[in-house]
Amino acid sequence: FGKETPVTPLPPDQNPTVRPGEDIPLKGRFN
């Protein structure tokens, strides 16, 4: 208990990087 299990990172298209000050993209949603 308390030990973290390794997490597989999402592919880049599902987990886009966001720079500070940028909006998080809303895929498939009206802006």
PDB file of all heavy atoms in Angstrom:
ATOM      1  N   PHE A   1       0.835  -1.192   0.000  1.00  0.00           N
ATOM      2  CA  PHE A   1       0.000   0.000   0.000  1.00  0.00           C
ATOM      3  C   PHE A   1       0.876   1.252   0.000  1.00  0.00           C
ATOM      4  O   PHE A   1       1.830   1.358   0.744  1.00  0.00           O
ATOM      5  CB  PHE A   1      -0.914  -0.009   1.226  1.00  0.00           C
ATOM      6  CG  PHE A   1      -1.830   1.174   1.261  1.00  0.00           C
ATOM      7  CD1 PHE A   1      -2.885   1.258   0.377  1.00  0.00           C
ATOM      8  CD2 PHE A   1      -1.627   2.200   2.160  1.00  0.00           C
ATOM      9  CE1 PHE A   1      -3.737   2.346   0.407  1.00  0.00           C
ATOM     10  CE2 PHE A   1      -2.473   3.288   2.191  1.00  0.00           C
ATOM     11  CZ  PHE A   1      -3.533   3.361   1.311  1.00  0.00           C
ATOM     12  N   GLY A   2       0.509   2.191  -0.823  1.00  0.00           N
ATOM     13  CA  GLY A   2       1.271   3.439  -0.895  1.00  0.00           C
ATOM     14  C   GLY A   2       2.263   3.435  -2.045  1.00  0.00           C
ATOM     15  O   GLY A   2       2.739   4.473  -2.450  1.00  0.00           O
ATOM     16  N   LYS A   3       2.580   2.245  -2.577  1.00  0.00           N
ATOM     17  CA  LYS A   3       3.492   2.199  -3.720  1.00  0.00           C
ATOM     18  C   LYS A   3       2.688   2.441  -4.983  1.00  0.00           C
ATOM     19  O   LYS A   3       1.617   1.884  -5.169  1.00  0.00           O
ATOM     20  CB  LYS A   3       4.183   0.836  -3.796  1.00  0.00           C
ATOM     21  CG  LYS A   3       5.135   0.595  -2.648  1.00  0.00           C
ATOM     22  CD  LYS A   3       5.863  -0.703  -2.841  1.00  0.00           C
ATOM     23  CE  LYS A   3       6.828  -0.941  -1.687  1.00  0.00           C
ATOM     24  NZ  LYS A   3       7.489  -2.236  -1.779  1.00  0.00           N
ATOM     25  N   GLU A   4       3.204   3.283  -5.838  1.00  0.00           N
ATOM     26  CA  GLU A   4       2.489   3.601  -7.064  1.00  0.00           C
ATOM     27  C   GLU A   4       2.739   2.531  -8.102  1.00  0.00           C
ATOM     28  O   GLU A   4       3.847   2.031  -8.250  1.00  0.00           O
ATOM     29  CB  GLU A   4       2.945   4.955  -7.609  1.00  0.00           C
ATOM     30  CG  GLU A   4       2.534   6.104  -6.729  1.00  0.00           C
ATOM     31  CD  GLU A   4       2.878   7.438  -7.335  1.00  0.00           C
ATOM     32  OE1 GLU A   4       3.141   7.488  -8.543  1.00  0.00           O
ATOM     33  OE2 GLU A   4       2.891   8.418  -6.596  1.00  0.00           O
ATOM     34  N   THR A   5       1.657   2.197  -8.824  1.00  0.00           N
ATOM     35  CA  THR A   5       1.809   1.254  -9.923  1.00  0.00           C
ATOM     36  C   THR A   5       2.188   2.047 -11.159  1.00  0.00           C
ATOM     37  O   THR A   5       1.717   3.177 -11.348  1.00  0.00           O
ATOM     38  CB  THR A   5       0.494   0.487 -10.167  1.00  0.00           C
ATOM     39  OG1 THR A   5      -0.554   1.430 -10.339  1.00  0.00           O
ATOM     40  CG2 THR A   5       0.166  -0.438  -9.020  1.00  0.00           C
ATOM     41  N   PRO A   6       3.036   1.489 -12.029  1.00  0.00           N
ATOM     42  CA  PRO A   6       3.450   2.240 -13.214  1.00  0.00           C
ATOM     43  C   PRO A   6       2.260   2.528 -14.128  1.00  0.00           C
ATOM     44  O   PRO A   6       1.389   1.690 -14.302  1.00  0.00           O
ATOM     45  CB  PRO A   6       4.462   1.312 -13.897  1.00  0.00           C
ATOM     46  CG  PRO A   6       4.271  -0.019 -13.275  1.00  0.00           C
ATOM     47  CD  PRO A   6       3.626   0.173 -11.958  1.00  0.00           C
ATOM     48  N   VAL A   7       2.221   3.741 -14.677  1.00  0.00           N
ATOM     49  CA  VAL A   7       1.139   4.164 -15.564  1.00  0.00           C
ATOM     50  C   VAL A   7       1.686   4.307 -16.969  1.00  0.00           C
ATOM     51  O   VAL A   7       2.716   4.937 -17.188  1.00  0.00           O
ATOM     52  CB  VAL A   7       0.559   5.517 -15.094  1.00  0.00           C
ATOM     53  CG1 VAL A   7      -0.529   5.997 -16.029  1.00  0.00           C
ATOM     54  CG2 VAL A   7       0.034   5.406 -13.681  1.00  0.00           C
ATOM     55  N   THR A   8       0.984   3.707 -17.935  1.00  0.00           N
ATOM     56  CA  THR A   8       1.384   3.825 -19.323  1.00  0.00           C
ATOM     57  C   THR A   8       0.880   5.156 -19.857  1.00  0.00           C
ATOM     58  O   THR A   8      -0.319   5.436 -19.779  1.00  0.00           O
ATOM     59  CB  THR A   8       0.764   2.678 -20.160  1.00  0.00           C
ATOM     60  OG1 THR A   8       1.062   1.455 -19.524  1.00  0.00           O
ATOM     61  CG2 THR A   8       1.282   2.685 -21.579  1.00  0.00           C
ATOM     62  N   PRO A   9       1.769   6.013 -20.386  1.00  0.00           N
ATOM     63  CA  PRO A   9       1.316   7.318 -20.875  1.00  0.00           C
ATOM     64  C   PRO A   9       0.428   7.161 -22.112  1.00  0.00           C
ATOM     65  O   PRO A   9       0.582   6.230 -22.887  1.00  0.00           O
ATOM     66  CB  PRO A   9       2.615   8.052 -21.207  1.00  0.00           C
ATOM     67  CG  PRO A   9       3.646   6.996 -21.350  1.00  0.00           C
ATOM     68  CD  PRO A   9       3.195   5.824 -20.530  1.00  0.00           C
ATOM     69  N   LEU A  10      -0.507   8.113 -22.264  1.00  0.00           N
ATOM     70  CA  LEU A  10      -1.375   8.108 -23.436  1.00  0.00           C
ATOM     71  C   LEU A  10      -0.599   8.542 -24.660  1.00  0.00           C
ATOM     72  O   LEU A  10       0.365   9.306 -24.565  1.00  0.00           O
ATOM     73  CB  LEU A  10      -2.540   9.079 -23.226  1.00  0.00           C
ATOM     74  CG  LEU A  10      -3.577   8.688 -22.176  1.00  0.00           C
ATOM     75  CD1 LEU A  10      -4.527   9.858 -21.937  1.00  0.00           C
ATOM     76  CD2 LEU A  10      -4.349   7.474 -22.596  1.00  0.00           C
ATOM     77  N   PRO A  11      -1.025   8.087 -25.847  1.00  0.00           N
ATOM     78  CA  PRO A  11      -0.378   8.575 -27.070  1.00  0.00           C
ATOM     79  C   PRO A  11      -0.576  10.083 -27.216  1.00  0.00           C
ATOM     80  O   PRO A  11      -1.557  10.627 -26.695  1.00  0.00           O
ATOM     81  CB  PRO A  11      -1.090   7.815 -28.197  1.00  0.00           C
ATOM     82  CG  PRO A  11      -2.151   6.998 -27.580  1.00  0.00           C
ATOM     83  CD  PRO A  11      -2.053   7.108 -26.097  1.00  0.00           C
ATOM     84  N   PRO A  12       0.330  10.772 -27.920  1.00  0.00           N
ATOM     85  CA  PRO A  12       0.272  12.240 -28.019  1.00  0.00           C
ATOM     86  C   PRO A  12      -1.051  12.785 -28.547  1.00  0.00           C
ATOM     87  O   PRO A  12      -1.487  13.852 -28.141  1.00  0.00           O
ATOM     88  CB  PRO A  12       1.422  12.591 -28.976  1.00  0.00           C
ATOM     89  CG  PRO A  12       2.345  11.431 -28.893  1.00  0.00           C
ATOM     90  CD  PRO A  12       1.500  10.232 -28.585  1.00  0.00           C
ATOM     91  N   ASP A  13      -1.715  12.056 -29.467  1.00  0.00           N
ATOM     92  CA  ASP A  13      -2.964  12.587 -30.010  1.00  0.00           C
ATOM     93  C   ASP A  13      -4.091  12.562 -28.972  1.00  0.00           C
ATOM     94  O   ASP A  13      -5.066  13.295 -29.079  1.00  0.00           O
ATOM     95  CB  ASP A  13      -3.387  11.825 -31.266  1.00  0.00           C
ATOM     96  CG  ASP A  13      -3.677  10.351 -30.989  1.00  0.00           C
ATOM     97  OD1 ASP A  13      -3.019   9.776 -30.104  1.00  0.00           O
ATOM     98  OD2 ASP A  13      -4.571   9.791 -31.659  1.00  0.00           O
ATOM     99  N   GLN A  14      -3.977  11.713 -27.940  1.00  0.00           N
ATOM    100  CA  GLN A  14      -4.987  11.662 -26.891  1.00  0.00           C
ATOM    101  C   GLN A  14      -4.589  12.491 -25.671  1.00  0.00           C
ATOM    102  O   GLN A  14      -5.390  12.734 -24.799  1.00  0.00           O
ATOM    103  CB  GLN A  14      -5.218  10.210 -26.450  1.00  0.00           C
ATOM    104  CG  GLN A  14      -5.853   9.364 -27.526  1.00  0.00           C
ATOM    105  CD  GLN A  14      -6.065   7.938 -27.050  1.00  0.00           C
ATOM    106  OE1 GLN A  14      -6.129   7.675 -25.859  1.00  0.00           O
ATOM    107  NE2 GLN A  14      -6.160   7.017 -27.979  1.00  0.00           N
ATOM    108  N   ASN A  15      -3.329  12.881 -25.602  1.00  0.00           N
ATOM    109  CA  ASN A  15      -2.849  13.650 -24.459  1.00  0.00           C
ATOM    110  C   ASN A  15      -1.956  14.781 -24.967  1.00  0.00           C
ATOM    111  O   ASN A  15      -0.745  14.743 -24.816  1.00  0.00           O
ATOM    112  CB  ASN A  15      -2.080  12.716 -23.518  1.00  0.00           C
ATOM    113  CG  ASN A  15      -1.737  13.407 -22.209  1.00  0.00           C
ATOM    114  OD1 ASN A  15      -2.325  14.409 -21.870  1.00  0.00           O
ATOM    115  ND2 ASN A  15      -0.775  12.863 -21.503  1.00  0.00           N
ATOM    116  N   PRO A  16      -2.565  15.800 -25.598  1.00  0.00           N
ATOM    117  CA  PRO A  16      -1.755  16.863 -26.182  1.00  0.00           C
ATOM    118  C   PRO A  16      -1.073  17.701 -25.112  1.00  0.00           C
ATOM    119  O   PRO A  16      -1.610  17.888 -24.030  1.00  0.00           O
ATOM    120  CB  PRO A  16      -2.774  17.706 -26.958  1.00  0.00           C
ATOM    121  CG  PRO A  16      -4.065  17.445 -26.264  1.00  0.00           C
ATOM    122  CD  PRO A  16      -3.979  16.044 -25.734  1.00  0.00           C
ATOM    123  N   THR A  17       0.130  18.164 -25.436  1.00  0.00           N
ATOM    124  CA  THR A  17       0.832  19.040 -24.499  1.00  0.00           C
ATOM    125  C   THR A  17       0.281  20.448 -24.631  1.00  0.00           C
ATOM    126  O   THR A  17       0.004  20.923 -25.718  1.00  0.00           O
ATOM    127  CB  THR A  17       2.348  19.057 -24.787  1.00  0.00           C
ATOM    128  OG1 THR A  17       2.541  19.160 -26.190  1.00  0.00           O
ATOM    129  CG2 THR A  17       3.018  17.828 -24.274  1.00  0.00           C
ATOM    130  N   VAL A  18       0.115  21.091 -23.509  1.00  0.00           N
ATOM    131  CA  VAL A  18      -0.420  22.452 -23.487  1.00  0.00           C
ATOM    132  C   VAL A  18       0.614  23.338 -22.814  1.00  0.00           C
ATOM    133  O   VAL A  18       1.068  23.060 -21.717  1.00  0.00           O
ATOM    134  CB  VAL A  18      -1.758  22.492 -22.702  1.00  0.00           C
ATOM    135  CG1 VAL A  18      -2.296  23.901 -22.668  1.00  0.00           C
ATOM    136  CG2 VAL A  18      -2.763  21.546 -23.317  1.00  0.00           C
ATOM    137  N   ARG A  19       0.976  24.400 -23.504  1.00  0.00           N
ATOM    138  CA  ARG A  19       1.934  25.344 -22.934  1.00  0.00           C
ATOM    139  C   ARG A  19       1.213  26.262 -21.966  1.00  0.00           C
ATOM    140  O   ARG A  19       0.008  26.505 -22.118  1.00  0.00           O
ATOM    141  CB  ARG A  19       2.579  26.164 -24.062  1.00  0.00           C
ATOM    142  CG  ARG A  19       3.449  25.333 -24.973  1.00  0.00           C
ATOM    143  CD  ARG A  19       4.098  26.214 -26.054  1.00  0.00           C
ATOM    144  NE  ARG A  19       4.713  25.396 -27.067  1.00  0.00           N
ATOM    145  CZ  ARG A  19       4.098  24.981 -28.174  1.00  0.00           C
ATOM    146  NH1 ARG A  19       2.849  25.325 -28.399  1.00  0.00           N
ATOM    147  NH2 ARG A  19       4.728  24.235 -29.048  1.00  0.00           N
ATOM    148  N   PRO A  20       1.910  26.794 -20.971  1.00  0.00           N
ATOM    149  CA  PRO A  20       1.271  27.718 -20.031  1.00  0.00           C
ATOM    150  C   PRO A  20       0.618  28.887 -20.758  1.00  0.00           C
ATOM    151  O   PRO A  20       1.198  29.460 -21.661  1.00  0.00           O
ATOM    152  CB  PRO A  20       2.428  28.196 -19.149  1.00  0.00           C
ATOM    153  CG  PRO A  20       3.447  27.115 -19.252  1.00  0.00           C
ATOM    154  CD  PRO A  20       3.308  26.539 -20.635  1.00  0.00           C
ATOM    155  N   GLY A  21      -0.612  29.193 -20.386  1.00  0.00           N
ATOM    156  CA  GLY A  21      -1.344  30.294 -21.008  1.00  0.00           C
ATOM    157  C   GLY A  21      -2.219  29.864 -22.168  1.00  0.00           C
ATOM    158  O   GLY A  21      -3.057  30.624 -22.630  1.00  0.00           O
ATOM    159  N   GLU A  22      -2.048  28.625 -22.671  1.00  0.00           N
ATOM    160  CA  GLU A  22      -2.873  28.131 -23.775  1.00  0.00           C
ATOM    161  C   GLU A  22      -4.127  27.467 -23.231  1.00  0.00           C
ATOM    162  O   GLU A  22      -4.141  26.946 -22.122  1.00  0.00           O
ATOM    163  CB  GLU A  22      -2.099  27.094 -24.603  1.00  0.00           C
ATOM    164  CG  GLU A  22      -1.081  27.662 -25.545  1.00  0.00           C
ATOM    165  CD  GLU A  22      -0.461  26.578 -26.413  1.00  0.00           C
ATOM    166  OE1 GLU A  22      -0.684  25.381 -26.164  1.00  0.00           O
ATOM    167  OE2 GLU A  22       0.257  26.950 -27.339  1.00  0.00           O
ATOM    168  N   ASP A  23      -5.185  27.482 -24.034  1.00  0.00           N
ATOM    169  CA  ASP A  23      -6.407  26.774 -23.669  1.00  0.00           C
ATOM    170  C   ASP A  23      -6.236  25.291 -23.958  1.00  0.00           C
ATOM    171  O   ASP A  23      -5.554  24.905 -24.912  1.00  0.00           O
ATOM    172  CB  ASP A  23      -7.603  27.295 -24.475  1.00  0.00           C
ATOM    173  CG  ASP A  23      -8.004  28.700 -24.040  1.00  0.00           C
ATOM    174  OD1 ASP A  23      -7.756  29.032 -22.866  1.00  0.00           O
ATOM    175  OD2 ASP A  23      -8.557  29.437 -24.871  1.00  0.00           O
ATOM    176  N   ILE A  24      -6.876  24.465 -23.143  1.00  0.00           N
ATOM    177  CA  ILE A  24      -6.873  23.030 -23.392  1.00  0.00           C
ATOM    178  C   ILE A  24      -7.801  22.771 -24.569  1.00  0.00           C
ATOM    179  O   ILE A  24      -8.949  23.214 -24.571  1.00  0.00           O
ATOM    180  CB  ILE A  24      -7.352  22.245 -22.153  1.00  0.00           C
ATOM    181  CG1 ILE A  24      -6.390  22.512 -20.996  1.00  0.00           C
ATOM    182  CG2 ILE A  24      -7.481  20.770 -22.434  1.00  0.00           C
ATOM    183  CD1 ILE A  24      -6.854  21.968 -19.669  1.00  0.00           C
ATOM    184  N   PRO A  25      -7.333  22.074 -25.613  1.00  0.00           N
ATOM    185  CA  PRO A  25      -8.188  21.856 -26.777  1.00  0.00           C
ATOM    186  C   PRO A  25      -9.395  21.001 -26.419  1.00  0.00           C
ATOM    187  O   PRO A  25      -9.288  20.067 -25.643  1.00  0.00           O
ATOM    188  CB  PRO A  25      -7.268  21.142 -27.772  1.00  0.00           C
ATOM    189  CG  PRO A  25      -6.123  20.633 -26.983  1.00  0.00           C
ATOM    190  CD  PRO A  25      -6.023  21.471 -25.746  1.00  0.00           C
ATOM    191  N   LEU A  26     -10.548  21.359 -26.968  1.00  0.00           N
ATOM    192  CA  LEU A  26     -11.770  20.595 -26.748  1.00  0.00           C
ATOM    193  C   LEU A  26     -12.097  19.850 -28.037  1.00  0.00           C
ATOM    194  O   LEU A  26     -12.732  20.381 -28.932  1.00  0.00           O
ATOM    195  CB  LEU A  26     -12.924  21.535 -26.371  1.00  0.00           C
ATOM    196  CG  LEU A  26     -12.731  22.333 -25.089  1.00  0.00           C
ATOM    197  CD1 LEU A  26     -13.838  23.358 -24.927  1.00  0.00           C
ATOM    198  CD2 LEU A  26     -12.703  21.402 -23.892  1.00  0.00           C
ATOM    199  N   LYS A  27     -11.620  18.616 -28.124  1.00  0.00           N
ATOM    200  CA  LYS A  27     -11.805  17.829 -29.329  1.00  0.00           C
ATOM    201  C   LYS A  27     -13.287  17.527 -29.526  1.00  0.00           C
ATOM    202  O   LYS A  27     -13.952  17.035 -28.640  1.00  0.00           O
ATOM    203  CB  LYS A  27     -11.009  16.527 -29.209  1.00  0.00           C
ATOM    204  CG  LYS A  27     -10.971  15.718 -30.474  1.00  0.00           C
ATOM    205  CD  LYS A  27     -10.061  14.537 -30.295  1.00  0.00           C
ATOM    206  CE  LYS A  27      -9.965  13.743 -31.577  1.00  0.00           C
ATOM    207  NZ  LYS A  27      -9.119  12.579 -31.421  1.00  0.00           N
ATOM    208  N   GLY A  28     -13.809  17.852 -30.700  1.00  0.00           N
ATOM    209  CA  GLY A  28     -15.177  17.536 -31.026  1.00  0.00           C
ATOM    210  C   GLY A  28     -16.209  18.394 -30.311  1.00  0.00           C
ATOM    211  O   GLY A  28     -17.363  18.039 -30.258  1.00  0.00           O
ATOM    212  N   ARG A  29     -15.791  19.528 -29.753  1.00  0.00           N
ATOM    213  CA  ARG A  29     -16.734  20.380 -29.047  1.00  0.00           C
ATOM    214  C   ARG A  29     -16.697  21.785 -29.631  1.00  0.00           C
ATOM    215  O   ARG A  29     -15.659  22.259 -30.046  1.00  0.00           O
ATOM    216  CB  ARG A  29     -16.368  20.435 -27.563  1.00  0.00           C
ATOM    217  CG  ARG A  29     -17.357  21.243 -26.767  1.00  0.00           C
ATOM    218  CD  ARG A  29     -17.100  21.123 -25.308  1.00  0.00           C
ATOM    219  NE  ARG A  29     -18.014  22.036 -24.627  1.00  0.00           N
ATOM    220  CZ  ARG A  29     -18.094  22.152 -23.335  1.00  0.00           C
ATOM    221  NH1 ARG A  29     -17.343  21.432 -22.568  1.00  0.00           N
ATOM    222  NH2 ARG A  29     -18.926  22.996 -22.787  1.00  0.00           N
ATOM    223  N   PHE A  30     -17.856  22.432 -29.673  1.00  0.00           N
ATOM    224  CA  PHE A  30     -17.925  23.800 -30.171  1.00  0.00           C
ATOM    225  C   PHE A  30     -17.192  24.721 -29.207  1.00  0.00           C
ATOM    226  O   PHE A  30     -17.243  24.555 -28.008  1.00  0.00           O
ATOM    227  CB  PHE A  30     -19.388  24.252 -30.267  1.00  0.00           C
ATOM    228  CG  PHE A  30     -20.126  23.676 -31.436  1.00  0.00           C
ATOM    229  CD1 PHE A  30     -20.625  22.390 -31.387  1.00  0.00           C
ATOM    230  CD2 PHE A  30     -20.326  24.419 -32.578  1.00  0.00           C
ATOM    231  CE1 PHE A  30     -21.318  21.865 -32.456  1.00  0.00           C
ATOM    232  CE2 PHE A  30     -21.017  23.898 -33.648  1.00  0.00           C
ATOM    233  CZ  PHE A  30     -21.509  22.619 -33.589  1.00  0.00           C
ATOM    234  N   ASN A  31     -16.502  25.694 -29.748  1.00  0.00           N
ATOM    235  CA  ASN A  31     -15.832  26.703 -28.936  1.00  0.00           C
ATOM    236  C   ASN A  31     -16.678  27.974 -29.040  1.00  0.00           C
ATOM    237  O   ASN A  31     -16.785  28.572 -30.109  1.00  0.00           O
ATOM    238  CB  ASN A  31     -14.407  26.938 -29.440  1.00  0.00           C
ATOM    239  CG  ASN A  31     -13.652  27.919 -28.580  1.00  0.00           C
ATOM    240  OD1 ASN A  31     -14.214  28.588 -27.726  1.00  0.00           O
ATOM    241  ND2 ASN A  31     -12.354  28.021 -28.805  1.00  0.00           N
TER     242      ASN A  31
END
